Every structure is written in C-alpha cells, then in structure tokens.
Amino acid sequence: MARGISDFVDTITLRREGGGRALIRLKTYEMDRRAFQGEPVDEIWFDEDVSRNNDSIYGEGLARLVATRGRLFLTLTPLLGLSPIRKRFKERMGKECAEVLMGLDDALH
C-alpha cells in the first residue's frame, strides 16, 4: 500500500510461470516529478495526457527507459485538441511510434 493515499497500491509483484518475478509500480501525477525518478524500467504507461499536467514527468519517464531501451505507452482522450505530447508522437508516426484511434463504439464495456 502507498503511504499518504488511501486505498492506493503502489507496488505489485507478479510471479512468472517460467520463473522469476515482475514488478509493477504505480504512481499518480499528483506525486510530482521526483516520484518518477530512480530505477530504470522496461515499460511506462501514462494514462491521460501527461503534458497537460506536468511535462517534466514525461521527461522523467523517458529517462527511466534509456538504460533498458524500453517502451512508452500513452492512452488519452484528446478533448482539447492537439496537445504538445500528442504533436510529438504524430511527428514520429511510422518511425518508432504508432497511433490507435478508437471511438465510443469501440468501448464494449
């Protein structure tokens, strides 16, 4: 359990079928850029547009991926149009980035 946030789990340990363990660490944008500093990671998944909240968190996320050559995933609802981070991804489309567009009809839940 995370300290200071009720009902928030910040670390999940998974046991792999083939042996070994995997760690999942969860953070919130409210935690500040410093919470994203630290150890290298294999994947980062930002939920919603991080550039609208704090673009330095995005930079810290990228820094965590350098050593592992990991992947970054971003899911967002572009209600306010082309944000800085979405523009950055669109400029790299086809090189190292891909975009999946979905509408309400695709959300079967």
N, C-alpha and C. Protein backbone atom coordinates (compact mmCIF):
# COMPACT_ATOMS: atom_id res chain seq x y z
N MET A 1 0.83 -1.19 0.00
CA MET A 1 0.00 0.00 0.00
C MET A 1 0.88 1.25 0.00
N ALA A 2 0.41 2.27 -0.68
CA ALA A 2 1.14 3.53 -0.74
C ALA A 2 0.93 4.32 0.54
N ARG A 3 1.91 5.11 0.89
CA ARG A 3 1.78 5.98 2.06
C ARG A 3 1.13 7.28 1.65
N GLY A 4 0.18 7.74 2.42
CA GLY A 4 -0.42 9.04 2.20
C GLY A 4 -1.60 9.07 1.24
N ILE A 5 -1.89 7.97 0.55
CA ILE A 5 -3.03 7.92 -0.36
C ILE A 5 -3.86 6.70 0.03
N SER A 6 -5.06 6.92 0.53
CA SER A 6 -5.87 5.80 0.99
C SER A 6 -6.30 4.92 -0.18
N ASP A 7 -6.29 3.63 0.05
CA ASP A 7 -6.72 2.62 -0.93
C ASP A 7 -5.92 2.62 -2.22
N PHE A 8 -4.67 3.07 -2.19
CA PHE A 8 -3.83 3.09 -3.37
C PHE A 8 -2.69 2.11 -3.19
N VAL A 9 -2.56 1.17 -4.11
CA VAL A 9 -1.47 0.20 -4.09
C VAL A 9 -0.39 0.73 -5.02
N ASP A 10 0.84 0.86 -4.54
CA ASP A 10 1.88 1.41 -5.39
C ASP A 10 2.83 0.37 -5.97
N THR A 11 2.84 -0.85 -5.43
CA THR A 11 3.73 -1.89 -5.95
C THR A 11 2.99 -3.22 -6.00
N ILE A 12 3.12 -3.89 -7.13
CA ILE A 12 2.53 -5.22 -7.32
C ILE A 12 3.66 -6.14 -7.78
N THR A 13 3.80 -7.28 -7.13
CA THR A 13 4.80 -8.27 -7.51
C THR A 13 4.08 -9.45 -8.15
N LEU A 14 4.51 -9.79 -9.37
CA LEU A 14 3.93 -10.93 -10.09
C LEU A 14 4.94 -12.06 -10.15
N ARG A 15 4.46 -13.27 -9.95
CA ARG A 15 5.31 -14.45 -10.10
C ARG A 15 5.10 -14.97 -11.53
N ARG A 16 6.17 -15.09 -12.28
CA ARG A 16 6.08 -15.54 -13.68
C ARG A 16 5.99 -17.06 -13.75
N GLU A 17 5.21 -17.56 -14.71
CA GLU A 17 5.08 -19.00 -14.88
C GLU A 17 6.41 -19.66 -15.17
N GLY A 18 7.24 -18.99 -15.95
CA GLY A 18 8.54 -19.54 -16.33
C GLY A 18 9.63 -19.31 -15.29
N GLY A 19 9.27 -18.76 -14.16
CA GLY A 19 10.25 -18.47 -13.12
C GLY A 19 10.55 -16.99 -13.05
N GLY A 20 10.98 -16.54 -11.92
CA GLY A 20 11.29 -15.13 -11.73
C GLY A 20 10.06 -14.32 -11.35
N ARG A 21 10.29 -13.05 -11.18
CA ARG A 21 9.23 -12.14 -10.76
C ARG A 21 9.23 -10.89 -11.63
N ALA A 22 8.11 -10.25 -11.68
CA ALA A 22 7.98 -8.95 -12.35
C ALA A 22 7.39 -7.97 -11.36
N LEU A 23 7.85 -6.74 -11.41
CA LEU A 23 7.34 -5.67 -10.54
C LEU A 23 6.54 -4.67 -11.36
N ILE A 24 5.42 -4.27 -10.84
CA ILE A 24 4.63 -3.18 -11.41
C ILE A 24 4.58 -2.09 -10.36
N ARG A 25 5.01 -0.90 -10.72
CA ARG A 25 4.96 0.24 -9.79
C ARG A 25 3.98 1.25 -10.35
N LEU A 26 3.08 1.69 -9.50
CA LEU A 26 2.05 2.65 -9.89
C LEU A 26 2.34 4.00 -9.24
N LYS A 27 2.11 5.06 -9.99
CA LYS A 27 2.32 6.42 -9.48
C LYS A 27 1.17 7.30 -9.97
N THR A 28 0.96 8.41 -9.31
CA THR A 28 -0.05 9.38 -9.75
C THR A 28 0.66 10.65 -10.18
N TYR A 29 0.03 11.43 -11.04
CA TYR A 29 0.61 12.70 -11.46
C TYR A 29 0.74 13.66 -10.28
N GLU A 30 -0.11 13.52 -9.29
CA GLU A 30 -0.05 14.39 -8.12
C GLU A 30 1.21 14.15 -7.29
N MET A 31 1.88 13.03 -7.49
CA MET A 31 3.07 12.70 -6.71
C MET A 31 4.26 13.58 -7.06
N ASP A 32 4.24 14.28 -8.19
CA ASP A 32 5.34 15.17 -8.55
C ASP A 32 6.41 14.42 -9.33
N ARG A 33 7.21 15.16 -10.03
CA ARG A 33 8.27 14.63 -10.89
C ARG A 33 9.25 13.75 -10.12
N ARG A 34 9.59 14.12 -8.89
CA ARG A 34 10.58 13.37 -8.11
C ARG A 34 10.17 11.92 -7.87
N ALA A 35 8.88 11.66 -7.80
CA ALA A 35 8.40 10.29 -7.59
C ALA A 35 8.72 9.39 -8.78
N PHE A 36 8.93 10.00 -9.95
CA PHE A 36 9.21 9.23 -11.16
C PHE A 36 10.70 9.02 -11.38
N GLN A 37 11.54 9.61 -10.54
CA GLN A 37 12.99 9.43 -10.65
C GLN A 37 13.37 8.08 -10.06
N GLY A 38 14.53 7.59 -10.44
CA GLY A 38 15.01 6.37 -9.81
C GLY A 38 15.45 5.32 -10.78
N GLU A 39 15.00 4.10 -10.53
CA GLU A 39 15.49 2.93 -11.24
C GLU A 39 15.02 2.86 -12.69
N PRO A 40 15.81 2.22 -13.55
CA PRO A 40 15.40 2.00 -14.93
C PRO A 40 14.20 1.07 -14.98
N VAL A 41 13.35 1.23 -15.97
CA VAL A 41 12.17 0.38 -16.14
C VAL A 41 12.08 -0.10 -17.59
N ASP A 42 11.33 -1.16 -17.79
CA ASP A 42 11.16 -1.71 -19.14
C ASP A 42 10.00 -1.07 -19.90
N GLU A 43 8.96 -0.69 -19.18
CA GLU A 43 7.80 -0.08 -19.82
C GLU A 43 7.19 0.98 -18.91
N ILE A 44 6.64 2.00 -19.54
CA ILE A 44 5.90 3.04 -18.82
C ILE A 44 4.59 3.23 -19.56
N TRP A 45 3.53 3.34 -18.81
CA TRP A 45 2.21 3.59 -19.40
C TRP A 45 1.62 4.82 -18.72
N PHE A 46 1.57 5.92 -19.47
CA PHE A 46 0.93 7.14 -18.98
C PHE A 46 -0.54 7.09 -19.36
N ASP A 47 -1.40 7.27 -18.38
CA ASP A 47 -2.83 7.31 -18.63
C ASP A 47 -3.27 8.77 -18.62
N GLU A 48 -3.83 9.19 -19.71
CA GLU A 48 -4.25 10.56 -19.98
C GLU A 48 -3.03 11.42 -20.31
N ASP A 49 -3.28 12.63 -20.70
CA ASP A 49 -2.26 13.50 -21.30
C ASP A 49 -1.35 14.10 -20.24
N VAL A 50 -0.16 13.53 -20.10
CA VAL A 50 0.78 13.99 -19.09
C VAL A 50 1.25 15.41 -19.36
N SER A 51 1.29 15.85 -20.61
CA SER A 51 1.79 17.21 -20.90
C SER A 51 0.82 18.28 -20.40
N ARG A 52 -0.43 17.94 -20.23
CA ARG A 52 -1.38 18.91 -19.69
C ARG A 52 -1.21 19.06 -18.18
N ASN A 53 -0.65 18.05 -17.54
CA ASN A 53 -0.46 18.08 -16.09
C ASN A 53 0.94 18.58 -15.72
N ASN A 54 1.95 17.94 -16.28
CA ASN A 54 3.31 18.28 -15.90
C ASN A 54 4.27 17.62 -16.90
N ASP A 55 4.77 18.40 -17.85
CA ASP A 55 5.61 17.85 -18.91
C ASP A 55 6.92 17.28 -18.37
N SER A 56 7.37 17.71 -17.19
CA SER A 56 8.62 17.18 -16.64
C SER A 56 8.46 15.72 -16.21
N ILE A 57 7.24 15.29 -15.90
CA ILE A 57 7.00 13.88 -15.57
C ILE A 57 7.26 13.03 -16.81
N TYR A 58 6.86 13.51 -17.97
CA TYR A 58 7.11 12.79 -19.22
C TYR A 58 8.63 12.64 -19.44
N GLY A 59 9.38 13.69 -19.19
CA GLY A 59 10.83 13.63 -19.33
C GLY A 59 11.46 12.62 -18.38
N GLU A 60 10.98 12.58 -17.16
CA GLU A 60 11.48 11.59 -16.19
C GLU A 60 11.16 10.18 -16.66
N GLY A 61 9.97 10.00 -17.21
CA GLY A 61 9.61 8.69 -17.74
C GLY A 61 10.55 8.25 -18.84
N LEU A 62 10.85 9.14 -19.76
CA LEU A 62 11.78 8.82 -20.84
C LEU A 62 13.16 8.47 -20.30
N ALA A 63 13.60 9.19 -19.28
CA ALA A 63 14.91 8.93 -18.69
C ALA A 63 14.97 7.52 -18.07
N ARG A 64 13.87 7.03 -17.52
CA ARG A 64 13.84 5.69 -16.92
C ARG A 64 13.96 4.60 -17.98
N LEU A 65 13.65 4.92 -19.24
CA LEU A 65 13.67 3.94 -20.32
C LEU A 65 15.00 3.85 -21.06
N VAL A 66 15.89 4.80 -20.84
CA VAL A 66 17.14 4.87 -21.60
C VAL A 66 17.97 3.61 -21.43
N ALA A 67 18.20 3.18 -20.22
CA ALA A 67 19.08 2.03 -19.95
C ALA A 67 18.50 0.72 -20.48
N THR A 68 17.18 0.61 -20.50
CA THR A 68 16.55 -0.66 -20.90
C THR A 68 16.08 -0.65 -22.36
N ARG A 69 16.16 0.52 -23.00
CA ARG A 69 15.60 0.68 -24.35
C ARG A 69 14.14 0.23 -24.35
N GLY A 70 13.43 0.63 -23.29
CA GLY A 70 12.06 0.19 -23.06
C GLY A 70 11.04 0.93 -23.91
N ARG A 71 9.79 0.66 -23.63
CA ARG A 71 8.67 1.22 -24.39
C ARG A 71 7.82 2.13 -23.53
N LEU A 72 7.23 3.12 -24.20
CA LEU A 72 6.31 4.04 -23.55
C LEU A 72 4.96 3.91 -24.22
N PHE A 73 3.92 3.76 -23.41
CA PHE A 73 2.55 3.72 -23.90
C PHE A 73 1.82 4.93 -23.34
N LEU A 74 0.93 5.46 -24.13
CA LEU A 74 0.17 6.64 -23.71
C LEU A 74 -1.27 6.47 -24.17
N THR A 75 -2.18 6.51 -23.23
CA THR A 75 -3.60 6.48 -23.59
C THR A 75 -4.20 7.80 -23.17
N LEU A 76 -4.94 8.42 -24.07
CA LEU A 76 -5.53 9.71 -23.72
C LEU A 76 -6.76 9.99 -24.57
N THR A 77 -7.56 10.86 -24.06
CA THR A 77 -8.74 11.36 -24.77
C THR A 77 -8.43 12.80 -25.14
N PRO A 78 -8.17 13.07 -26.42
CA PRO A 78 -7.74 14.42 -26.83
C PRO A 78 -8.91 15.41 -26.92
N LEU A 79 -9.55 15.65 -25.81
CA LEU A 79 -10.70 16.55 -25.80
C LEU A 79 -10.33 17.98 -26.15
N LEU A 80 -9.11 18.37 -25.85
CA LEU A 80 -8.68 19.74 -26.09
C LEU A 80 -7.84 19.89 -27.35
N GLY A 81 -7.89 18.90 -28.22
CA GLY A 81 -7.16 19.01 -29.48
C GLY A 81 -5.75 18.48 -29.40
N LEU A 82 -4.89 19.02 -30.23
CA LEU A 82 -3.52 18.55 -30.38
C LEU A 82 -2.64 19.12 -29.28
N SER A 83 -2.41 18.33 -28.25
CA SER A 83 -1.57 18.77 -27.13
C SER A 83 -0.09 18.61 -27.52
N PRO A 84 0.81 19.20 -26.75
CA PRO A 84 2.24 19.09 -27.07
C PRO A 84 2.73 17.64 -27.18
N ILE A 85 2.29 16.77 -26.28
CA ILE A 85 2.78 15.39 -26.33
C ILE A 85 2.18 14.64 -27.51
N ARG A 86 0.94 14.89 -27.83
CA ARG A 86 0.32 14.23 -29.00
C ARG A 86 0.98 14.71 -30.29
N LYS A 87 1.32 15.98 -30.35
CA LYS A 87 2.01 16.52 -31.52
C LYS A 87 3.38 15.83 -31.68
N ARG A 88 4.08 15.64 -30.57
CA ARG A 88 5.39 14.97 -30.59
C ARG A 88 5.26 13.55 -31.17
N PHE A 89 4.22 12.82 -30.75
CA PHE A 89 4.02 11.46 -31.26
C PHE A 89 3.65 11.49 -32.74
N LYS A 90 2.80 12.40 -33.15
CA LYS A 90 2.37 12.46 -34.55
C LYS A 90 3.55 12.76 -35.48
N GLU A 91 4.51 13.55 -35.03
CA GLU A 91 5.70 13.85 -35.83
C GLU A 91 6.58 12.63 -36.05
N ARG A 92 6.50 11.65 -35.15
CA ARG A 92 7.33 10.44 -35.25
C ARG A 92 6.57 9.25 -35.82
N MET A 93 5.34 9.45 -36.22
CA MET A 93 4.49 8.38 -36.70
C MET A 93 5.16 7.60 -37.84
N GLY A 94 5.13 6.28 -37.73
CA GLY A 94 5.72 5.43 -38.76
C GLY A 94 7.18 5.12 -38.53
N LYS A 95 7.87 5.90 -37.73
CA LYS A 95 9.28 5.64 -37.43
C LYS A 95 9.35 4.71 -36.22
N GLU A 96 9.10 5.28 -35.06
CA GLU A 96 9.11 4.45 -33.86
C GLU A 96 7.81 4.55 -33.08
N CYS A 97 6.80 5.17 -33.68
CA CYS A 97 5.52 5.38 -32.99
C CYS A 97 4.36 4.85 -33.82
N ALA A 98 3.31 4.49 -33.12
CA ALA A 98 2.07 4.08 -33.78
C ALA A 98 0.91 4.70 -33.01
N GLU A 99 -0.17 4.94 -33.71
CA GLU A 99 -1.36 5.53 -33.09
C GLU A 99 -2.55 4.63 -33.37
N VAL A 100 -3.33 4.37 -32.32
CA VAL A 100 -4.55 3.59 -32.46
C VAL A 100 -5.69 4.53 -32.09
N LEU A 101 -6.58 4.77 -33.03
CA LEU A 101 -7.73 5.64 -32.79
C LEU A 101 -8.96 4.80 -32.48
N MET A 102 -9.69 5.19 -31.45
CA MET A 102 -10.89 4.47 -31.07
C MET A 102 -12.00 5.47 -30.79
N GLY A 103 -13.22 5.04 -30.94
CA GLY A 103 -14.38 5.85 -30.64
C GLY A 103 -15.24 5.17 -29.60
N LEU A 104 -16.35 5.78 -29.24
CA LEU A 104 -17.24 5.19 -28.23
C LEU A 104 -17.75 3.82 -28.63
N ASP A 105 -17.95 3.59 -29.92
CA ASP A 105 -18.44 2.29 -30.37
C ASP A 105 -17.42 1.18 -30.14
N ASP A 106 -16.15 1.54 -29.98
CA ASP A 106 -15.10 0.54 -29.73
C ASP A 106 -15.01 0.14 -28.26
N ALA A 107 -15.60 0.92 -27.37
CA ALA A 107 -15.57 0.63 -25.94
C ALA A 107 -16.76 -0.26 -25.60
N LEU A 108 -16.54 -1.55 -25.65
CA LEU A 108 -17.63 -2.51 -25.48
C LEU A 108 -18.06 -2.70 -24.03
N HIS A 109 -17.37 -2.10 -23.11
CA HIS A 109 -17.74 -2.23 -21.71
C HIS A 109 -18.79 -1.20 -21.36
